[in-house]
Amino acid sequence: MAGGGIALRYAKALFELGVEEGNARVLYKDLETLTEAYRQSDELRTIVSAPSLRVEQRKEVLRAVAQSLKLGVLVTNFAQLLVDKGRLSALEGIFTSFQRLLDEKEGIVRAQVTSAQKLAPAQLGRVKQVLARLTGKKVELETDTDPDLIGGMVARIGDKVYDGSLRNQLRRLRDAAMQEA
């Protein structure tokens, strides 16, 4: 995570303000919007980090971007603080840390599900239900495909991996056959 401990400290500060004001979810959405704009725009990243521009000029660019994105005052001011402190490059790490804090507060876990083929909505619903039962939490799915799995799927939640892929089953059969030989 970019910024590491610094990103977490900034995320906690913003998150605590959001919890205190009862708008942590709104701050999350604004922070997500800003982070995505920052991630996708080479020009924005260049301008707001340009040492040839005064800090006030960089902050003015950020204010204009925030206004065009319809961001709230708190996230706009937060982004300007990051410019003041030379920490805007940690924005993605801050967003990731904020997301984790909000997920924890709301009892959500994020699962990365990789399957050989794109899963149908009904299949995704069943996967979500099973993972919710296993974790005891609400599950948000992020999906991906990997034809090398042959069939089945792999689900990752944090450090835990649930591997139900055909590739893994074939590997286990091969290993068992090798041990018997």
Protein backbone atom coordinates (compact mmCIF):
# COMPACT_ATOMS: atom_id res chain seq x y z
CA MET A 1 0.00 0.00 0.00
CA ALA A 2 1.41 3.35 -1.03
CA GLY A 3 2.24 5.46 1.97
CA GLY A 4 1.93 2.55 4.44
CA GLY A 5 1.57 3.83 7.99
CA ILE A 6 1.18 7.42 6.85
CA ALA A 7 -1.75 6.45 4.62
CA LEU A 8 -3.41 4.67 7.53
CA ARG A 9 -2.95 7.67 9.84
CA TYR A 10 -4.55 10.04 7.35
CA ALA A 11 -7.34 7.54 6.63
CA LYS A 12 -8.08 7.12 10.35
CA ALA A 13 -8.24 10.87 10.87
CA LEU A 14 -10.72 11.33 8.02
CA PHE A 15 -12.68 8.23 9.02
CA GLU A 16 -13.02 9.36 12.63
CA LEU A 17 -14.35 12.72 11.42
CA GLY A 18 -16.84 10.88 9.23
CA VAL A 19 -18.01 8.67 12.09
CA GLU A 20 -18.27 11.68 14.39
CA GLU A 21 -20.38 13.57 11.84
CA GLY A 22 -22.34 10.47 10.79
CA ASN A 23 -21.28 10.69 7.15
CA ALA A 24 -18.46 8.15 6.81
CA ARG A 25 -20.20 6.48 3.84
CA VAL A 26 -20.52 9.86 2.03
CA LEU A 27 -16.84 10.58 2.68
CA TYR A 28 -16.00 7.15 1.33
CA LYS A 29 -17.85 7.86 -1.93
CA ASP A 30 -16.18 11.27 -2.31
CA LEU A 31 -12.76 9.82 -1.53
CA GLU A 32 -13.38 7.01 -4.03
CA THR A 33 -14.33 9.55 -6.72
CA LEU A 34 -11.25 11.68 -6.05
CA THR A 35 -8.94 8.66 -5.95
CA GLU A 36 -10.31 7.34 -9.24
CA ALA A 37 -9.84 10.74 -10.91
CA TYR A 38 -6.30 10.95 -9.54
CA ARG A 39 -5.54 7.38 -10.66
CA GLN A 40 -6.86 7.92 -14.20
CA SER A 41 -5.41 11.35 -14.96
CA ASP A 42 -1.69 11.60 -15.62
CA GLU A 43 -2.21 15.32 -16.16
CA LEU A 44 -3.79 15.82 -12.73
CA ARG A 45 -1.03 13.85 -11.00
CA THR A 46 1.61 15.89 -12.82
CA ILE A 47 0.04 19.26 -12.05
CA VAL A 48 -0.65 18.67 -8.35
CA SER A 49 2.86 17.39 -7.78
CA ALA A 50 4.71 19.90 -9.97
CA PRO A 51 7.42 21.60 -7.89
CA SER A 52 7.40 24.47 -10.40
CA LEU A 53 3.90 25.45 -9.20
CA ARG A 54 3.32 27.13 -5.88
CA VAL A 55 1.34 25.10 -3.35
CA GLU A 56 -1.54 27.57 -3.63
CA GLN A 57 -1.70 27.01 -7.41
CA ARG A 58 -1.79 23.24 -6.94
CA LYS A 59 -4.53 23.62 -4.32
CA GLU A 60 -6.52 25.81 -6.73
CA VAL A 61 -6.35 23.05 -9.36
CA LEU A 62 -7.57 20.56 -6.76
CA ARG A 63 -10.43 22.87 -5.74
CA ALA A 64 -11.51 23.09 -9.39
CA VAL A 65 -11.31 19.32 -9.80
CA ALA A 66 -13.24 18.78 -6.56
CA GLN A 67 -15.92 21.21 -7.69
CA SER A 68 -16.27 19.51 -11.09
CA LEU A 69 -16.53 16.13 -9.33
CA LYS A 70 -19.08 17.60 -6.89
CA LEU A 71 -17.04 16.54 -3.86
CA GLY A 72 -18.03 17.62 -0.39
CA VAL A 73 -16.16 20.28 1.55
CA LEU A 74 -14.48 17.83 3.92
CA VAL A 75 -12.85 15.70 1.22
CA THR A 76 -11.94 18.84 -0.76
CA ASN A 77 -10.22 20.32 2.29
CA PHE A 78 -8.63 16.97 3.07
CA ALA A 79 -7.13 16.79 -0.44
CA GLN A 80 -5.76 20.31 -0.04
CA LEU A 81 -4.20 19.32 3.28
CA LEU A 82 -2.51 16.43 1.47
CA VAL A 83 -1.07 18.92 -1.02
CA ASP A 84 0.11 21.17 1.84
CA LYS A 85 1.88 18.22 3.46
CA GLY A 86 3.23 16.77 0.20
CA ARG A 87 1.22 13.59 0.72
CA LEU A 88 -1.18 13.51 -2.23
CA SER A 89 0.82 10.63 -3.70
CA ALA A 90 -0.47 8.54 -0.76
CA LEU A 91 -4.09 9.07 -1.86
CA GLU A 92 -4.62 5.52 -3.14
CA GLY A 93 -3.24 4.04 0.08
CA ILE A 94 -5.40 6.41 2.11
CA PHE A 95 -8.48 5.34 0.16
CA THR A 96 -7.67 1.64 0.63
CA SER A 97 -7.16 2.15 4.39
CA PHE A 98 -10.37 4.18 4.66
CA GLN A 99 -12.26 1.42 2.84
CA ARG A 100 -10.93 -1.19 5.28
CA LEU A 101 -11.90 0.92 8.29
CA LEU A 102 -15.41 1.47 6.91
CA ASP A 103 -15.80 -2.20 6.00
CA GLU A 104 -14.78 -3.21 9.51
CA LYS A 105 -17.25 -0.78 11.06
CA GLU A 106 -20.07 -1.99 8.80
CA GLY A 107 -19.25 -5.71 9.14
CA ILE A 108 -18.28 -6.12 5.48
CA VAL A 109 -15.59 -8.36 4.01
CA ARG A 110 -14.32 -8.10 0.45
CA ALA A 111 -13.87 -11.32 -1.44
CA GLN A 112 -11.90 -11.70 -4.64
CA VAL A 113 -13.51 -14.50 -6.66
CA THR A 114 -11.66 -15.86 -9.67
CA SER A 115 -13.38 -18.36 -11.94
CA ALA A 116 -12.52 -20.06 -15.21
CA GLN A 117 -15.43 -18.30 -16.91
CA LYS A 118 -17.56 -15.29 -16.09
CA LEU A 119 -20.14 -16.26 -13.48
CA ALA A 120 -23.86 -15.66 -14.00
CA PRO A 121 -25.63 -13.33 -11.54
CA ALA A 122 -27.40 -16.30 -9.88
CA GLN A 123 -24.04 -18.04 -9.37
CA LEU A 124 -22.55 -14.88 -7.88
CA GLY A 125 -25.52 -14.66 -5.51
CA ARG A 126 -24.94 -18.22 -4.31
CA VAL A 127 -21.19 -17.59 -3.88
CA LYS A 128 -21.98 -14.46 -1.88
CA GLN A 129 -24.39 -16.40 0.36
CA VAL A 130 -21.89 -19.18 1.03
CA LEU A 131 -19.09 -16.76 1.83
CA ALA A 132 -21.40 -14.73 4.07
CA ARG A 133 -22.27 -17.91 5.97
CA LEU A 134 -18.57 -18.84 6.29
CA THR A 135 -17.49 -15.39 7.51
CA GLY A 136 -20.60 -14.29 9.40
CA LYS A 137 -20.33 -10.93 7.61
CA LYS A 138 -21.80 -9.14 4.63
CA VAL A 139 -19.72 -9.95 1.54
CA GLU A 140 -18.76 -7.62 -1.31
CA LEU A 141 -17.52 -9.54 -4.34
CA GLU A 142 -14.84 -8.54 -6.79
CA THR A 143 -14.68 -10.94 -9.71
CA ASP A 144 -12.06 -11.96 -12.22
CA THR A 145 -11.60 -14.77 -14.71
CA ASP A 146 -8.63 -17.06 -15.25
CA PRO A 147 -9.05 -19.79 -17.93
CA ASP A 148 -6.09 -21.66 -16.38
CA LEU A 149 -8.38 -22.72 -13.54
CA ILE A 150 -10.10 -25.02 -16.07
CA GLY A 151 -13.31 -25.00 -14.00
CA GLY A 152 -14.59 -24.08 -10.56
CA MET A 153 -13.37 -21.00 -8.68
CA VAL A 154 -11.00 -19.58 -6.11
CA ALA A 155 -12.23 -17.16 -3.44
CA ARG A 156 -9.87 -14.99 -1.40
CA ILE A 157 -10.95 -13.12 1.71
CA GLY A 158 -8.01 -11.41 3.33
CA ASP A 159 -5.38 -14.10 3.90
CA LYS A 160 -7.84 -17.00 3.58
CA VAL A 161 -8.13 -18.84 0.26
CA TYR A 162 -10.97 -21.20 -0.66
CA ASP A 163 -9.75 -23.10 -3.73
CA GLY A 164 -12.49 -25.07 -5.48
CA SER A 165 -10.85 -24.97 -8.89
CA LEU A 166 -10.58 -27.99 -11.12
CA ARG A 167 -6.88 -27.20 -11.52
CA ASN A 168 -6.40 -27.58 -7.74
CA GLN A 169 -8.43 -30.79 -7.62
CA LEU A 170 -6.34 -32.28 -10.42
CA ARG A 171 -3.15 -31.22 -8.63
CA ARG A 172 -4.34 -32.95 -5.42
CA LEU A 173 -5.19 -36.14 -7.37
CA ARG A 174 -1.75 -36.08 -8.99
CA ASP A 175 -0.03 -35.56 -5.61
CA ALA A 176 -2.04 -38.41 -4.06
CA ALA A 177 -1.16 -40.71 -6.99
CA MET A 178 2.52 -39.80 -6.66
CA GLN A 179 2.49 -40.66 -2.94
CA GLU A 180 0.94 -44.08 -3.62
CA ALA A 181 3.48 -44.90 -6.33
